[in-house]
Amino acid sequence: MWGSAAARRLGATILPQLADITVENRGNLQVSPAQLDAFEQECALLAGNVGHLSAATGHDADRILRYLATMRHAVTRARAVGGGVVIW
């Protein structure tokens, strides 16, 4: 879903990296402290377009929103300790 054409058309650039599995990233997404603002904005963008994203991908809108809320909470925690976020 995060790497879907719908997410990319909405302007997502960070979360689609989860779909780009390489030997180096092993399918994990690492968001550095410098990327936290952009990542949080991307999560908000997708949450604001959850109906479109859900319809385009077939994933439940409430589930998408829960995932995005968890990611945004991780951003808050990462900022508190000066770190980044890893999603696998």
PDB file of N, CA and C in Angstrom:
ATOM      1  N   MET A   1       0.817  -1.186   0.000  1.00  0.00           N
ATOM      2  CA  MET A   1       0.000   0.000   0.000  1.00  0.00           C
ATOM      3  C   MET A   1       0.863   1.252   0.000  1.00  0.00           C
ATOM      4  N   TRP A   2       1.913   1.294   0.825  1.00  0.00           N
ATOM      5  CA  TRP A   2       2.727   2.508   0.926  1.00  0.00           C
ATOM      6  C   TRP A   2       3.462   2.793  -0.371  1.00  0.00           C
ATOM      7  N   GLY A   3       3.775   1.767  -1.113  1.00  0.00           N
ATOM      8  CA  GLY A   3       4.462   1.948  -2.386  1.00  0.00           C
ATOM      9  C   GLY A   3       3.532   1.979  -3.578  1.00  0.00           C
ATOM     10  N   SER A   4       2.234   2.047  -3.312  1.00  0.00           N
ATOM     11  CA  SER A   4       1.250   2.023  -4.395  1.00  0.00           C
ATOM     12  C   SER A   4       1.343   3.263  -5.274  1.00  0.00           C
ATOM     13  N   ALA A   5       0.832   3.125  -6.473  1.00  0.00           N
ATOM     14  CA  ALA A   5       0.770   4.269  -7.388  1.00  0.00           C
ATOM     15  C   ALA A   5      -0.063   5.384  -6.775  1.00  0.00           C
ATOM     16  N   ALA A   6      -1.113   5.018  -6.041  1.00  0.00           N
ATOM     17  CA  ALA A   6      -1.977   6.032  -5.416  1.00  0.00           C
ATOM     18  C   ALA A   6      -1.201   6.853  -4.397  1.00  0.00           C
ATOM     19  N   ALA A   7      -0.412   6.205  -3.561  1.00  0.00           N
ATOM     20  CA  ALA A   7       0.380   6.928  -2.559  1.00  0.00           C
ATOM     21  C   ALA A   7       1.409   7.822  -3.240  1.00  0.00           C
ATOM     22  N   ARG A   8       2.021   7.310  -4.276  1.00  0.00           N
ATOM     23  CA  ARG A   8       3.023   8.096  -4.999  1.00  0.00           C
ATOM     24  C   ARG A   8       2.383   9.291  -5.708  1.00  0.00           C
ATOM     25  N   ARG A   9       1.189   9.084  -6.287  1.00  0.00           N
ATOM     26  CA  ARG A   9       0.490  10.196  -6.955  1.00  0.00           C
ATOM     27  C   ARG A   9       0.122  11.296  -5.976  1.00  0.00           C
ATOM     28  N   LEU A  10      -0.153  10.921  -4.738  1.00  0.00           N
ATOM     29  CA  LEU A  10      -0.473  11.921  -3.717  1.00  0.00           C
ATOM     30  C   LEU A  10       0.766  12.718  -3.304  1.00  0.00           C
ATOM     31  N   GLY A  11       1.929  12.245  -3.691  1.00  0.00           N
ATOM     32  CA  GLY A  11       3.160  12.961  -3.371  1.00  0.00           C
ATOM     33  C   GLY A  11       4.038  12.272  -2.343  1.00  0.00           C
ATOM     34  N   ALA A  12       3.652  11.085  -1.913  1.00  0.00           N
ATOM     35  CA  ALA A  12       4.465  10.357  -0.936  1.00  0.00           C
ATOM     36  C   ALA A  12       5.800   9.955  -1.567  1.00  0.00           C
ATOM     37  N   THR A  13       6.868  10.211  -0.846  1.00  0.00           N
ATOM     38  CA  THR A  13       8.197   9.825  -1.329  1.00  0.00           C
ATOM     39  C   THR A  13       8.972   9.002  -0.303  1.00  0.00           C
ATOM     40  N   ILE A  14       8.623   9.145   0.961  1.00  0.00           N
ATOM     41  CA  ILE A  14       9.357   8.428   2.013  1.00  0.00           C
ATOM     42  C   ILE A  14       8.764   7.038   2.231  1.00  0.00           C
ATOM     43  N   LEU A  15       7.476   6.954   2.503  1.00  0.00           N
ATOM     44  CA  LEU A  15       6.854   5.653   2.759  1.00  0.00           C
ATOM     45  C   LEU A  15       6.946   4.696   1.572  1.00  0.00           C
ATOM     46  N   PRO A  16       6.885   5.166   0.331  1.00  0.00           N
ATOM     47  CA  PRO A  16       7.037   4.220  -0.779  1.00  0.00           C
ATOM     48  C   PRO A  16       8.368   3.473  -0.782  1.00  0.00           C
ATOM     49  N   GLN A  17       9.343   3.975  -0.051  1.00  0.00           N
ATOM     50  CA  GLN A  17      10.627   3.283   0.033  1.00  0.00           C
ATOM     51  C   GLN A  17      10.487   1.916   0.701  1.00  0.00           C
ATOM     52  N   LEU A  18       9.404   1.706   1.452  1.00  0.00           N
ATOM     53  CA  LEU A  18       9.161   0.389   2.053  1.00  0.00           C
ATOM     54  C   LEU A  18       8.971  -0.675   0.977  1.00  0.00           C
ATOM     55  N   ALA A  19       8.486  -0.273  -0.177  1.00  0.00           N
ATOM     56  CA  ALA A  19       8.258  -1.217  -1.272  1.00  0.00           C
ATOM     57  C   ALA A  19       9.521  -1.474  -2.086  1.00  0.00           C
ATOM     58  N   ASP A  20      10.523  -0.644  -1.878  1.00  0.00           N
ATOM     59  CA  ASP A  20      11.773  -0.759  -2.631  1.00  0.00           C
ATOM     60  C   ASP A  20      12.796  -1.545  -1.817  1.00  0.00           C
ATOM     61  N   ILE A  21      12.625  -2.854  -1.798  1.00  0.00           N
ATOM     62  CA  ILE A  21      13.481  -3.719  -0.992  1.00  0.00           C
ATOM     63  C   ILE A  21      14.827  -3.901  -1.692  1.00  0.00           C
ATOM     64  N   THR A  22      15.886  -3.634  -0.939  1.00  0.00           N
ATOM     65  CA  THR A  22      17.246  -3.832  -1.449  1.00  0.00           C
ATOM     66  C   THR A  22      18.038  -4.645  -0.430  1.00  0.00           C
ATOM     67  N   VAL A  23      19.196  -5.084  -0.821  1.00  0.00           N
ATOM     68  CA  VAL A  23      20.075  -5.806   0.104  1.00  0.00           C
ATOM     69  C   VAL A  23      20.442  -4.899   1.271  1.00  0.00           C
ATOM     70  N   GLU A  24      20.655  -3.614   0.976  1.00  0.00           N
ATOM     71  CA  GLU A  24      21.077  -2.677   2.013  1.00  0.00           C
ATOM     72  C   GLU A  24      19.977  -2.399   3.040  1.00  0.00           C
ATOM     73  N   ASN A  25      18.749  -2.164   2.562  1.00  0.00           N
ATOM     74  CA  ASN A  25      17.698  -1.774   3.511  1.00  0.00           C
ATOM     75  C   ASN A  25      16.891  -2.957   4.031  1.00  0.00           C
ATOM     76  N   ARG A  26      17.008  -4.113   3.389  1.00  0.00           N
ATOM     77  CA  ARG A  26      16.291  -5.330   3.806  1.00  0.00           C
ATOM     78  C   ARG A  26      14.797  -5.100   3.976  1.00  0.00           C
ATOM     79  N   GLY A  27      14.253  -4.137   3.251  1.00  0.00           N
ATOM     80  CA  GLY A  27      12.826  -3.848   3.331  1.00  0.00           C
ATOM     81  C   GLY A  27      12.445  -2.959   4.491  1.00  0.00           C
ATOM     82  N   ASN A  28      13.432  -2.441   5.197  1.00  0.00           N
ATOM     83  CA  ASN A  28      13.173  -1.530   6.312  1.00  0.00           C
ATOM     84  C   ASN A  28      13.277  -0.090   5.836  1.00  0.00           C
ATOM     85  N   LEU A  29      12.544   0.777   6.481  1.00  0.00           N
ATOM     86  CA  LEU A  29      12.611   2.205   6.191  1.00  0.00           C
ATOM     87  C   LEU A  29      13.251   2.899   7.380  1.00  0.00           C
ATOM     88  N   GLN A  30      14.316   3.620   7.130  1.00  0.00           N
ATOM     89  CA  GLN A  30      14.974   4.384   8.183  1.00  0.00           C
ATOM     90  C   GLN A  30      14.757   5.863   7.915  1.00  0.00           C
ATOM     91  N   VAL A  31      14.105   6.533   8.856  1.00  0.00           N
ATOM     92  CA  VAL A  31      13.838   7.965   8.760  1.00  0.00           C
ATOM     93  C   VAL A  31      14.795   8.659   9.725  1.00  0.00           C
ATOM     94  N   SER A  32      15.696   9.434   9.180  1.00  0.00           N
ATOM     95  CA  SER A  32      16.695  10.113  10.012  1.00  0.00           C
ATOM     96  C   SER A  32      16.055  11.280  10.761  1.00  0.00           C
ATOM     97  N   PRO A  33      16.708  11.769  11.801  1.00  0.00           N
ATOM     98  CA  PRO A  33      16.174  12.940  12.510  1.00  0.00           C
ATOM     99  C   PRO A  33      15.921  14.122  11.573  1.00  0.00           C
ATOM    100  N   ALA A  34      16.758  14.297  10.574  1.00  0.00           N
ATOM    101  CA  ALA A  34      16.587  15.407   9.628  1.00  0.00           C
ATOM    102  C   ALA A  34      15.361  15.236   8.732  1.00  0.00           C
ATOM    103  N   GLN A  35      14.856  14.010   8.616  1.00  0.00           N
ATOM    104  CA  GLN A  35      13.700  13.730   7.761  1.00  0.00           C
ATOM    105  C   GLN A  35      12.378  13.702   8.522  1.00  0.00           C
ATOM    106  N   LEU A  36      12.407  13.872   9.835  1.00  0.00           N
ATOM    107  CA  LEU A  36      11.193  13.692  10.630  1.00  0.00           C
ATOM    108  C   LEU A  36      10.070  14.639  10.232  1.00  0.00           C
ATOM    109  N   ASP A  37      10.377  15.906   9.976  1.00  0.00           N
ATOM    110  CA  ASP A  37       9.325  16.852   9.590  1.00  0.00           C
ATOM    111  C   ASP A  37       8.655  16.419   8.292  1.00  0.00           C
ATOM    112  N   ALA A  38       9.457  16.071   7.296  1.00  0.00           N
ATOM    113  CA  ALA A  38       8.909  15.645   6.008  1.00  0.00           C
ATOM    114  C   ALA A  38       8.106  14.359   6.159  1.00  0.00           C
ATOM    115  N   PHE A  39       8.591  13.445   6.991  1.00  0.00           N
ATOM    116  CA  PHE A  39       7.886  12.185   7.212  1.00  0.00           C
ATOM    117  C   PHE A  39       6.543  12.432   7.889  1.00  0.00           C
ATOM    118  N   GLU A  40       6.531  13.295   8.893  1.00  0.00           N
ATOM    119  CA  GLU A  40       5.280  13.611   9.581  1.00  0.00           C
ATOM    120  C   GLU A  40       4.293  14.271   8.620  1.00  0.00           C
ATOM    121  N   GLN A  41       4.773  15.160   7.773  1.00  0.00           N
ATOM    122  CA  GLN A  41       3.908  15.809   6.784  1.00  0.00           C
ATOM    123  C   GLN A  41       3.357  14.797   5.789  1.00  0.00           C
ATOM    124  N   GLU A  42       4.171  13.839   5.399  1.00  0.00           N
ATOM    125  CA  GLU A  42       3.715  12.803   4.479  1.00  0.00           C
ATOM    126  C   GLU A  42       2.633  11.944   5.130  1.00  0.00           C
ATOM    127  N   CYS A  43       2.811  11.600   6.391  1.00  0.00           N
ATOM    128  CA  CYS A  43       1.788  10.835   7.108  1.00  0.00           C
ATOM    129  C   CYS A  43       0.483  11.617   7.175  1.00  0.00           C
ATOM    130  N   ALA A  44       0.570  12.912   7.444  1.00  0.00           N
ATOM    131  CA  ALA A  44      -0.624  13.760   7.495  1.00  0.00           C
ATOM    132  C   ALA A  44      -1.283  13.844   6.126  1.00  0.00           C
ATOM    133  N   LEU A  45      -0.485  13.951   5.074  1.00  0.00           N
ATOM    134  CA  LEU A  45      -1.010  14.002   3.713  1.00  0.00           C
ATOM    135  C   LEU A  45      -1.799  12.739   3.392  1.00  0.00           C
ATOM    136  N   LEU A  46      -1.233  11.593   3.700  1.00  0.00           N
ATOM    137  CA  LEU A  46      -1.911  10.332   3.419  1.00  0.00           C
ATOM    138  C   LEU A  46      -3.155  10.170   4.285  1.00  0.00           C
ATOM    139  N   ALA A  47      -3.080  10.586   5.541  1.00  0.00           N
ATOM    140  CA  ALA A  47      -4.260  10.513   6.413  1.00  0.00           C
ATOM    141  C   ALA A  47      -5.378  11.397   5.876  1.00  0.00           C
ATOM    142  N   GLY A  48      -5.027  12.555   5.359  1.00  0.00           N
ATOM    143  CA  GLY A  48      -6.019  13.464   4.802  1.00  0.00           C
ATOM    144  C   GLY A  48      -6.644  12.963   3.513  1.00  0.00           C
ATOM    145  N   ASN A  49      -6.008  11.991   2.894  1.00  0.00           N
ATOM    146  CA  ASN A  49      -6.506  11.410   1.648  1.00  0.00           C
ATOM    147  C   ASN A  49      -6.793   9.923   1.806  1.00  0.00           C
ATOM    148  N   VAL A  50      -7.136   9.524   3.023  1.00  0.00           N
ATOM    149  CA  VAL A  50      -7.293   8.102   3.321  1.00  0.00           C
ATOM    150  C   VAL A  50      -8.404   7.456   2.495  1.00  0.00           C
ATOM    151  N   GLY A  51      -9.458   8.184   2.205  1.00  0.00           N
ATOM    152  CA  GLY A  51     -10.535   7.616   1.394  1.00  0.00           C
ATOM    153  C   GLY A  51     -10.040   7.224   0.014  1.00  0.00           C
ATOM    154  N   HIS A  52      -9.295   8.103  -0.597  1.00  0.00           N
ATOM    155  CA  HIS A  52      -8.729   7.826  -1.921  1.00  0.00           C
ATOM    156  C   HIS A  52      -7.733   6.670  -1.852  1.00  0.00           C
ATOM    157  N   LEU A  53      -6.866   6.703  -0.864  1.00  0.00           N
ATOM    158  CA  LEU A  53      -5.857   5.657  -0.709  1.00  0.00           C
ATOM    159  C   LEU A  53      -6.510   4.298  -0.464  1.00  0.00           C
ATOM    160  N   SER A  54      -7.541   4.280   0.363  1.00  0.00           N
ATOM    161  CA  SER A  54      -8.257   3.045   0.655  1.00  0.00           C
ATOM    162  C   SER A  54      -8.932   2.491  -0.597  1.00  0.00           C
ATOM    163  N   ALA A  55      -9.615   3.360  -1.322  1.00  0.00           N
ATOM    164  CA  ALA A  55     -10.311   2.920  -2.539  1.00  0.00           C
ATOM    165  C   ALA A  55      -9.330   2.406  -3.588  1.00  0.00           C
ATOM    166  N   ALA A  56      -8.200   3.061  -3.697  1.00  0.00           N
ATOM    167  CA  ALA A  56      -7.226   2.694  -4.725  1.00  0.00           C
ATOM    168  C   ALA A  56      -6.466   1.416  -4.398  1.00  0.00           C
ATOM    169  N   THR A  57      -6.299   1.126  -3.110  1.00  0.00           N
ATOM    170  CA  THR A  57      -5.481  -0.029  -2.720  1.00  0.00           C
ATOM    171  C   THR A  57      -6.293  -1.200  -2.176  1.00  0.00           C
ATOM    172  N   GLY A  58      -7.536  -0.944  -1.786  1.00  0.00           N
ATOM    173  CA  GLY A  58      -8.357  -1.999  -1.203  1.00  0.00           C
ATOM    174  C   GLY A  58      -8.101  -2.237   0.274  1.00  0.00           C
ATOM    175  N   HIS A  59      -7.266  -1.420   0.878  1.00  0.00           N
ATOM    176  CA  HIS A  59      -6.980  -1.548   2.309  1.00  0.00           C
ATOM    177  C   HIS A  59      -7.992  -0.729   3.108  1.00  0.00           C
ATOM    178  N   ASP A  60      -8.359  -1.230   4.263  1.00  0.00           N
ATOM    179  CA  ASP A  60      -9.345  -0.588   5.125  1.00  0.00           C
ATOM    180  C   ASP A  60      -8.861   0.782   5.595  1.00  0.00           C
ATOM    181  N   ALA A  61      -9.711   1.786   5.443  1.00  0.00           N
ATOM    182  CA  ALA A  61      -9.350   3.164   5.800  1.00  0.00           C
ATOM    183  C   ALA A  61      -8.988   3.290   7.276  1.00  0.00           C
ATOM    184  N   ASP A  62      -9.747   2.636   8.149  1.00  0.00           N
ATOM    185  CA  ASP A  62      -9.445   2.730   9.580  1.00  0.00           C
ATOM    186  C   ASP A  62      -8.086   2.117   9.906  1.00  0.00           C
ATOM    187  N   ARG A  63      -7.759   1.025   9.250  1.00  0.00           N
ATOM    188  CA  ARG A  63      -6.462   0.390   9.483  1.00  0.00           C
ATOM    189  C   ARG A  63      -5.330   1.304   9.001  1.00  0.00           C
ATOM    190  N   ILE A  64      -5.512   1.920   7.835  1.00  0.00           N
ATOM    191  CA  ILE A  64      -4.509   2.854   7.319  1.00  0.00           C
ATOM    192  C   ILE A  64      -4.296   3.983   8.319  1.00  0.00           C
ATOM    193  N   LEU A  65      -5.393   4.528   8.834  1.00  0.00           N
ATOM    194  CA  LEU A  65      -5.288   5.628   9.798  1.00  0.00           C
ATOM    195  C   LEU A  65      -4.575   5.200  11.071  1.00  0.00           C
ATOM    196  N   ARG A  66      -4.820   3.966  11.524  1.00  0.00           N
ATOM    197  CA  ARG A  66      -4.129   3.474  12.721  1.00  0.00           C
ATOM    198  C   ARG A  66      -2.626   3.358  12.471  1.00  0.00           C
ATOM    199  N   TYR A  67      -2.254   2.824  11.318  1.00  0.00           N
ATOM    200  CA  TYR A  67      -0.828   2.730  10.982  1.00  0.00           C
ATOM    201  C   TYR A  67      -0.191   4.116  10.961  1.00  0.00           C
ATOM    202  N   LEU A  68      -0.869   5.063  10.315  1.00  0.00           N
ATOM    203  CA  LEU A  68      -0.319   6.414  10.207  1.00  0.00           C
ATOM    204  C   LEU A  68      -0.229   7.093  11.572  1.00  0.00           C
ATOM    205  N   ALA A  69      -1.215   6.853  12.436  1.00  0.00           N
ATOM    206  CA  ALA A  69      -1.173   7.423  13.789  1.00  0.00           C
ATOM    207  C   ALA A  69       0.006   6.849  14.568  1.00  0.00           C
ATOM    208  N   THR A  70       0.258   5.564  14.403  1.00  0.00           N
ATOM    209  CA  THR A  70       1.398   4.932  15.065  1.00  0.00           C
ATOM    210  C   THR A  70       2.707   5.542  14.576  1.00  0.00           C
ATOM    211  N   MET A  71       2.796   5.769  13.282  1.00  0.00           N
ATOM    212  CA  MET A  71       4.016   6.373  12.721  1.00  0.00           C
ATOM    213  C   MET A  71       4.213   7.798  13.232  1.00  0.00           C
ATOM    214  N   ARG A  72       3.134   8.549  13.309  1.00  0.00           N
ATOM    215  CA  ARG A  72       3.247   9.925  13.800  1.00  0.00           C
ATOM    216  C   ARG A  72       3.629   9.941  15.275  1.00  0.00           C
ATOM    217  N   HIS A  73       3.132   8.975  16.030  1.00  0.00           N
ATOM    218  CA  HIS A  73       3.519   8.863  17.437  1.00  0.00           C
ATOM    219  C   HIS A  73       5.010   8.517  17.543  1.00  0.00           C
ATOM    220  N   ALA A  74       5.488   7.675  16.640  1.00  0.00           N
ATOM    221  CA  ALA A  74       6.912   7.336  16.629  1.00  0.00           C
ATOM    222  C   ALA A  74       7.762   8.570  16.349  1.00  0.00           C
ATOM    223  N   VAL A  75       7.264   9.462  15.507  1.00  0.00           N
ATOM    224  CA  VAL A  75       7.981  10.711  15.231  1.00  0.00           C
ATOM    225  C   VAL A  75       8.097  11.535  16.512  1.00  0.00           C
ATOM    226  N   THR A  76       7.002  11.624  17.257  1.00  0.00           N
ATOM    227  CA  THR A  76       7.012  12.374  18.516  1.00  0.00           C
ATOM    228  C   THR A  76       8.039  11.790  19.481  1.00  0.00           C
ATOM    229  N   ARG A  77       8.054  10.468  19.607  1.00  0.00           N
ATOM    230  CA  ARG A  77       9.011   9.810  20.499  1.00  0.00           C
ATOM    231  C   ARG A  77      10.444  10.011  20.018  1.00  0.00           C
ATOM    232  N   ALA A  78      10.646   9.929  18.709  1.00  0.00           N
ATOM    233  CA  ALA A  78      11.995  10.108  18.156  1.00  0.00           C
ATOM    234  C   ALA A  78      12.515  11.513  18.421  1.00  0.00           C
ATOM    235  N   ARG A  79      11.657  12.499  18.258  1.00  0.00           N
ATOM    236  CA  ARG A  79      12.076  13.882  18.521  1.00  0.00           C
ATOM    237  C   ARG A  79      12.483  14.061  19.983  1.00  0.00           C
ATOM    238  N   ALA A  80      11.765  13.395  20.872  1.00  0.00           N
ATOM    239  CA  ALA A  80      12.028  13.542  22.305  1.00  0.00           C
ATOM    240  C   ALA A  80      13.423  13.055  22.685  1.00  0.00           C
ATOM    241  N   VAL A  81      13.952  12.117  21.913  1.00  0.00           N
ATOM    242  CA  VAL A  81      15.275  11.574  22.237  1.00  0.00           C
ATOM    243  C   VAL A  81      16.331  11.947  21.198  1.00  0.00           C
ATOM    244  N   GLY A  82      15.940  12.775  20.238  1.00  0.00           N
ATOM    245  CA  GLY A  82      16.889  13.195  19.210  1.00  0.00           C
ATOM    246  C   GLY A  82      17.255  12.104  18.225  1.00  0.00           C
ATOM    247  N   GLY A  83      16.339  11.173  18.033  1.00  0.00           N
ATOM    248  CA  GLY A  83      16.621  10.046  17.140  1.00  0.00           C
ATOM    249  C   GLY A  83      15.758  10.042  15.901  1.00  0.00           C
ATOM    250  N   GLY A  84      15.783   8.921  15.226  1.00  0.00           N
ATOM    251  CA  GLY A  84      14.996   8.726  14.020  1.00  0.00           C
ATOM    252  C   GLY A  84      13.985   7.612  14.227  1.00  0.00           C
ATOM    253  N   VAL A  85      13.400   7.171  13.131  1.00  0.00           N
ATOM    254  CA  VAL A  85      12.372   6.133  13.157  1.00  0.00           C
ATOM    255  C   VAL A  85      12.785   5.025  12.192  1.00  0.00           C
ATOM    256  N   VAL A  86      12.585   3.782  12.604  1.00  0.00           N
ATOM    257  CA  VAL A  86      12.795   2.636  11.724  1.00  0.00           C
ATOM    258  C   VAL A  86      11.469   1.898  11.617  1.00  0.00           C
ATOM    259  N   ILE A  87      11.057   1.628  10.381  1.00  0.00           N
ATOM    260  CA  ILE A  87       9.815   0.883  10.134  1.00  0.00           C
ATOM    261  C   ILE A  87      10.189  -0.367   9.363  1.00  0.00           C
ATOM    262  N   TRP A  88       9.717  -1.510   9.835  1.00  0.00           N
ATOM    263  CA  TRP A  88       9.992  -2.756   9.139  1.00  0.00           C
ATOM    264  C   TRP A  88       8.731  -3.523   8.919  1.00  0.00           C
TER     265      TRP A  88
END
